[in-house]
C-alpha atoms as a PDB file:
ATOM      1  CA  MET A   1     -33.929  -6.034   0.166  1.00  0.00           C
ATOM      2  CA  LEU A   2     -30.953  -4.694  -1.776  1.00  0.00           C
ATOM      3  CA  LYS A   3     -31.997  -2.903  -4.940  1.00  0.00           C
ATOM      4  CA  GLU A   4     -29.702  -3.650  -7.854  1.00  0.00           C
ATOM      5  CA  ARG A   5     -28.548  -0.640  -9.800  1.00  0.00           C
ATOM      6  CA  ARG A   6     -28.965  -0.790 -13.590  1.00  0.00           C
ATOM      7  CA  MET A   7     -25.688  -0.738 -15.461  1.00  0.00           C
ATOM      8  CA  LYS A   8     -25.060   1.531 -18.424  1.00  0.00           C
ATOM      9  CA  GLN A   9     -25.842   0.333 -21.921  1.00  0.00           C
ATOM     10  CA  ILE A  10     -25.203   1.515 -25.465  1.00  0.00           C
ATOM     11  CA  THR A  11     -27.322   0.672 -28.493  1.00  0.00           C
ATOM     12  CA  VAL A  12     -25.730   0.422 -31.937  1.00  0.00           C
ATOM     13  CA  SER A  13     -27.148  -0.624 -35.290  1.00  0.00           C
ATOM     14  CA  ASP A  14     -25.756  -2.594 -38.183  1.00  0.00           C
ATOM     15  CA  GLU A  15     -26.074  -1.700 -41.851  1.00  0.00           C
ATOM     16  CA  TYR A  16     -29.510  -3.354 -42.003  1.00  0.00           C
ATOM     17  CA  GLY A  17     -30.918  -1.430 -39.054  1.00  0.00           C
ATOM     18  CA  ASN A  18     -30.693  -4.331 -36.585  1.00  0.00           C
ATOM     19  CA  LYS A  19     -30.129  -2.969 -33.094  1.00  0.00           C
ATOM     20  CA  TYR A  20     -27.594  -4.352 -30.631  1.00  0.00           C
ATOM     21  CA  ARG A  21     -27.715  -3.558 -26.914  1.00  0.00           C
ATOM     22  CA  LEU A  22     -24.198  -3.454 -25.512  1.00  0.00           C
ATOM     23  CA  GLU A  23     -23.516  -3.976 -21.831  1.00  0.00           C
ATOM     24  CA  TYR A  24     -20.966  -5.603 -19.551  1.00  0.00           C
ATOM     25  CA  THR A  25     -21.857  -8.239 -16.990  1.00  0.00           C
ATOM     26  CA  LYS A  26     -19.759 -10.316 -14.645  1.00  0.00           C
ATOM     27  CA  ASN A  27     -19.799 -13.169 -17.166  1.00  0.00           C
ATOM     28  CA  SER A  28     -18.787 -10.989 -20.090  1.00  0.00           C
ATOM     29  CA  ILE A  29     -15.939  -9.456 -18.078  1.00  0.00           C
ATOM     30  CA  VAL A  30     -14.677 -12.886 -17.005  1.00  0.00           C
ATOM     31  CA  ARG A  31     -14.800 -14.018 -20.630  1.00  0.00           C
ATOM     32  CA  MET A  32     -12.892 -10.914 -21.758  1.00  0.00           C
ATOM     33  CA  GLU A  33     -10.222 -11.350 -19.105  1.00  0.00           C
ATOM     34  CA  LYS A  34      -9.792 -15.046 -19.981  1.00  0.00           C
ATOM     35  CA  ALA A  35      -9.251 -13.944 -23.585  1.00  0.00           C
ATOM     36  CA  GLY A  36      -6.502 -11.574 -22.400  1.00  0.00           C
ATOM     37  CA  PHE A  37      -8.261  -8.240 -21.968  1.00  0.00           C
ATOM     38  CA  SER A  38      -6.713  -5.724 -19.598  1.00  0.00           C
ATOM     39  CA  LEU A  39      -7.245  -1.965 -19.485  1.00  0.00           C
ATOM     40  CA  GLU A  40      -3.582  -1.602 -18.506  1.00  0.00           C
ATOM     41  CA  LYS A  41      -2.540  -3.250 -21.800  1.00  0.00           C
ATOM     42  CA  LEU A  42      -4.673  -0.921 -23.930  1.00  0.00           C
ATOM     43  CA  SER A  43      -1.747   1.329 -24.890  1.00  0.00           C
ATOM     44  CA  GLU A  44       0.637  -1.629 -25.382  1.00  0.00           C
ATOM     45  CA  SER A  45      -1.587  -3.565 -27.774  1.00  0.00           C
ATOM     46  CA  PRO A  46      -4.387  -1.226 -28.812  1.00  0.00           C
ATOM     47  CA  VAL A  47      -5.752  -3.317 -31.689  1.00  0.00           C
ATOM     48  CA  THR A  48      -6.063  -6.525 -29.665  1.00  0.00           C
ATOM     49  CA  GLN A  49      -7.369  -4.821 -26.537  1.00  0.00           C
ATOM     50  CA  THR A  50      -9.856  -2.644 -28.440  1.00  0.00           C
ATOM     51  CA  THR A  51     -11.134  -5.723 -30.265  1.00  0.00           C
ATOM     52  CA  LEU A  52     -11.652  -7.566 -26.961  1.00  0.00           C
ATOM     53  CA  LEU A  53     -13.312  -4.510 -25.383  1.00  0.00           C
ATOM     54  CA  VAL A  54     -15.767  -4.127 -28.270  1.00  0.00           C
ATOM     55  CA  GLN A  55     -16.503  -7.842 -28.644  1.00  0.00           C
ATOM     56  CA  GLY A  56     -16.981  -8.170 -24.880  1.00  0.00           C
ATOM     57  CA  ALA A  57     -19.737  -5.558 -24.949  1.00  0.00           C
ATOM     58  CA  PHE A  58     -21.789  -7.829 -27.234  1.00  0.00           C
ATOM     59  CA  VAL A  59     -21.564 -10.918 -24.989  1.00  0.00           C
ATOM     60  CA  ALA A  60     -24.334 -10.069 -22.507  1.00  0.00           C
ATOM     61  CA  HIS A  61     -27.143  -9.752 -25.064  1.00  0.00           C
ATOM     62  CA  HIS A  62     -25.690 -10.891 -28.397  1.00  0.00           C
ATOM     63  CA  ALA A  63     -23.174 -13.634 -27.586  1.00  0.00           C
ATOM     64  CA  ASN A  64     -23.641 -15.381 -30.915  1.00  0.00           C
ATOM     65  CA  THR A  65     -22.821 -12.331 -33.016  1.00  0.00           C
ATOM     66  CA  LYS A  66     -19.984 -13.173 -35.383  1.00  0.00           C
ATOM     67  CA  PRO A  67     -16.718 -11.250 -34.994  1.00  0.00           C
ATOM     68  CA  ASP A  68     -16.986 -10.091 -38.630  1.00  0.00           C
ATOM     69  CA  THR A  69     -20.383  -8.544 -37.891  1.00  0.00           C
ATOM     70  CA  ILE A  70     -18.995  -6.791 -34.813  1.00  0.00           C
ATOM     71  CA  ASP A  71     -16.028  -5.524 -36.855  1.00  0.00           C
ATOM     72  CA  LYS A  72     -18.385  -4.115 -39.520  1.00  0.00           C
ATOM     73  CA  ILE A  73     -20.516  -2.362 -36.903  1.00  0.00           C
ATOM     74  CA  TYR A  74     -17.418  -0.886 -35.254  1.00  0.00           C
ATOM     75  CA  ALA A  75     -15.988   0.215 -38.624  1.00  0.00           C
ATOM     76  CA  SER A  76     -19.242   2.029 -39.438  1.00  0.00           C
ATOM     77  CA  LEU A  77     -19.214   4.134 -36.259  1.00  0.00           C
ATOM     78  CA  LYS A  78     -18.639   7.848 -36.795  1.00  0.00           C
ATOM     79  CA  ASN A  79     -17.110   8.652 -33.391  1.00  0.00           C
ATOM     80  CA  LYS A  80     -14.943   5.655 -32.502  1.00  0.00           C
ATOM     81  CA  GLU A  81     -12.985   7.560 -29.850  1.00  0.00           C
ATOM     82  CA  GLY A  82     -16.164   8.587 -28.022  1.00  0.00           C
ATOM     83  CA  PHE A  83     -17.570   5.075 -28.358  1.00  0.00           C
ATOM     84  CA  LEU A  84     -14.427   3.517 -26.869  1.00  0.00           C
ATOM     85  CA  LYS A  85     -14.417   6.021 -24.009  1.00  0.00           C
ATOM     86  CA  LYS A  86     -17.995   5.021 -23.170  1.00  0.00           C
ATOM     87  CA  LEU A  87     -17.132   1.313 -23.321  1.00  0.00           C
ATOM     88  CA  ILE A  88     -14.173   1.868 -20.999  1.00  0.00           C
ATOM     89  CA  GLU A  89     -16.439   3.800 -18.627  1.00  0.00           C
ATOM     90  CA  MET A  90     -19.022   0.995 -18.712  1.00  0.00           C
ATOM     91  CA  TYR A  91     -16.379  -1.702 -18.186  1.00  0.00           C
ATOM     92  CA  THR A  92     -14.754   0.191 -15.311  1.00  0.00           C
ATOM     93  CA  GLU A  93     -18.085   0.910 -13.629  1.00  0.00           C
ATOM     94  CA  HIS A  94     -19.125  -2.723 -13.738  1.00  0.00           C
ATOM     95  CA  SER A  95     -15.698  -3.997 -12.628  1.00  0.00           C
ATOM     96  CA  ASP A  96     -15.729  -1.573  -9.700  1.00  0.00           C
ATOM     97  CA  LYS A  97     -19.248  -2.681  -8.755  1.00  0.00           C
ATOM     98  CA  LEU A  98     -18.082  -6.288  -8.542  1.00  0.00           C
ATOM     99  CA  VAL A  99     -15.437  -5.469  -5.927  1.00  0.00           C
ATOM    100  CA  GLU A 100     -17.012  -2.573  -3.997  1.00  0.00           C
ATOM    101  CA  GLU A 101     -17.978  -3.001  -0.395  1.00  0.00           C
ATOM    102  CA  GLY A 102     -21.546  -4.031   0.205  1.00  0.00           C
ATOM    103  CA  ASN A 103     -23.756  -3.755   3.229  1.00  0.00           C
ATOM    104  CA  ALA A 104     -23.710  -7.436   4.226  1.00  0.00           C
ATOM    105  CA  ASP A 105     -22.547  -8.221   7.752  1.00  0.00           C
ATOM    106  CA  TRP A 106     -20.051 -11.024   8.024  1.00  0.00           C
ATOM    107  CA  GLU A 107     -17.254 -12.184  10.224  1.00  0.00           C
ATOM    108  CA  ALA A 108     -14.362 -14.541   9.696  1.00  0.00           C
ATOM    109  CA  ASN A 109     -14.686 -17.906  11.335  1.00  0.00           C
ATOM    110  CA  TRP A 110     -11.242 -19.428  11.445  1.00  0.00           C
END
């Protein structure tokens, strides 16, 4: 049986002390990419791409969180640069996991 590796998570709090567990999943990444997210576009359109990156981290566990709430939480963070670096690391790790080679045996049948 293949043991699934736990992906990285970050916990942040809002002004009322409510905790939010941020994580990327296949579904959240697909949703982000459909909305236009691309790491390669981060320097071209940093505001849009950063917004999608941050909002995408809420999808897995807090999909119904309003964008205004997410914006307030992000605005309250002390180390935004460090936070964004961690989100990029989490996104990249999960994206890589989705396309890495597994141990399943298969052969083409055509």
